[in-house]
Protein backbone atom coordinates (compact mmCIF):
# COMPACT_ATOMS: atom_id res chain seq x y z
CA MET A 1 121.53 255.19 117.78
CA PRO A 2 125.03 255.57 116.29
CA ALA A 3 125.93 258.73 114.46
CA PRO A 4 125.88 258.43 110.66
CA LEU A 5 129.21 258.18 108.88
CA SER A 6 130.61 261.36 107.43
CA PRO A 7 130.72 261.47 103.65
CA PRO A 8 134.08 260.41 102.21
CA PRO A 9 136.52 263.31 101.76
CA TYR A 10 137.73 261.94 98.40
CA ALA A 11 136.06 260.61 95.27
CA PRO A 12 135.94 256.81 94.98
CA HIS A 13 139.20 255.42 93.61
CA ASP A 14 138.94 255.01 89.82
CA GLY A 15 141.65 252.37 89.56
CA ILE A 16 140.08 250.13 92.18
CA ALA A 17 136.66 250.64 90.58
CA ALA A 18 138.10 249.57 87.21
CA LEU A 19 139.64 246.45 88.72
CA ARG A 20 136.37 245.60 90.50
CA GLN A 21 134.57 245.90 87.15
CA GLU A 22 137.05 243.37 85.75
CA GLY A 23 136.13 240.91 88.51
CA TRP A 24 138.75 241.63 91.18
CA SER A 25 137.37 241.15 94.70
CA LEU A 26 138.54 243.39 97.54
CA PRO A 27 140.18 240.43 99.35
CA LEU A 28 142.07 239.41 96.21
CA LEU A 29 143.17 242.97 95.52
CA ALA A 30 144.22 243.43 99.15
CA GLU A 31 146.28 240.23 99.03
CA ARG A 32 147.94 241.27 95.76
CA LEU A 33 148.80 244.72 97.14
CA GLY A 34 149.89 243.49 100.57
CA ALA A 35 147.29 245.63 102.34
CA SER A 36 144.31 244.75 104.52
CA VAL A 37 140.84 244.35 103.03
CA ARG A 38 139.64 247.19 105.28
CA THR A 39 142.34 249.52 103.94
CA VAL A 40 141.55 248.70 100.30
CA SER A 41 137.86 249.16 101.05
CA ARG A 42 138.54 252.62 102.48
CA TRP A 43 140.58 253.54 99.40
CA ALA A 44 137.80 252.28 97.13
CA ALA A 45 135.15 254.29 98.95
CA GLY A 46 137.22 257.48 99.11
CA TYR A 47 137.69 257.61 102.88
CA THR A 48 141.49 257.50 102.50
CA ARG A 49 143.96 257.56 99.60
CA PRO A 50 146.66 254.97 98.90
CA LEU A 51 150.29 255.85 99.41
CA PRO A 52 152.22 256.43 96.15
CA VAL A 53 153.72 252.92 96.22
CA TYR A 54 150.19 251.45 96.23
CA GLU A 55 148.95 253.92 93.61
CA LYS A 56 151.73 252.72 91.31
CA GLU A 57 150.85 249.06 91.88
CA ILE A 58 147.13 249.73 91.31
CA ALA A 59 147.96 251.55 88.06
CA THR A 60 150.13 248.60 86.96
CA LEU A 61 147.30 246.15 87.67
CA VAL A 62 144.82 248.32 85.77
CA ALA A 63 147.16 248.47 82.78
CA GLN A 64 147.78 244.71 82.85
CA THR A 65 144.08 243.97 83.19
CA GLY A 66 143.26 246.32 80.30
CA GLU A 67 145.79 244.53 78.08
CA GLY A 68 144.05 241.23 78.69
CA THR A 69 140.66 242.40 77.40
């Protein structure tokens, strides 16, 4: 039986959660950011954090999405 996963070291990513609430899928977000789906999934779950360049792009997408509602 495989060992259980360790809990994520970080809180789930708020920006990605907000985009997911607005209907963004992980594959679409990954494509838009130029990252793999696995990487974006790990950011979303809190297993890793995005580099600053990705944080900025996520923040931009959140702001643009918020303007459209």
